[in-house]
Amino acid sequence: MNPHVKIYLKQVPLLKRLIPYWRKVRQHIGFKNPTTAGWLERDQYVGSGYQIISKANFMHDLRTAIERRISYATGKIGITAQYMVSYEMLLDTETDKNKISEFESRLERACLKQQGIYPVDNEFYRQYSKFYIDHARNLDALGICYYSGEVEILKYYRLTNKLIYYVNQEPERSEKNCYLPYFRDKRLLII
């Protein structure tokens, strides 16, 4: 389900009261959503040793940075970028040349067509991945997707950023849960 639709539905009073019951029923019958089959639940992710901050914590950190006039960098490592940076991991661990070749054939599509990274060259992708990860380390908050390969990537590259579910980085329409008013009358550089 689209995360924005999910957020909206959680704001509908009747549905909001039914959510805990639906979760119990879903857990009891062993329901698994086929669209999220490769995704981790938050509890499993937290159990891996990584702490995920809430939207409230994120908003607090952002507001504090703005009030103190200090920098604050946030971004996400999406599924396509995760695929790209896992190339180095694969080369370090995999010995089967067929698996490496198959991965490289999909890598071109992920890098060129989905991210716009040019030129099409596996060695360039390795260099760009290192560049990407080095800059991802500088982020105060790193958005994650709860995808099953993320934990391995975080461990492999020893990323220690504060982690947040990427949807919680996006501004909301409600004044209560939105950080956009913090920017009012401020001179900011947003990239």
Foldseek 3Di string as FASTA:
>chain_A
DPPVVVVVQCPPVVSVVCVVVVVVVCVVVVPDDVVQVQFDDPVVVVVLVAAADFLVVVLVVVLVCLVVVHDAFEDECDPLLLLLLCLVVCVVPDDDPVVNVVSLVVNQCSCCVVVNDDDSDNVVSNVVSVVVLVVQLVHQEYAYQRGNCVSVSCVVSVRRHHYYHVVSVDADPDPVSGNVVSCPPHDDDDD
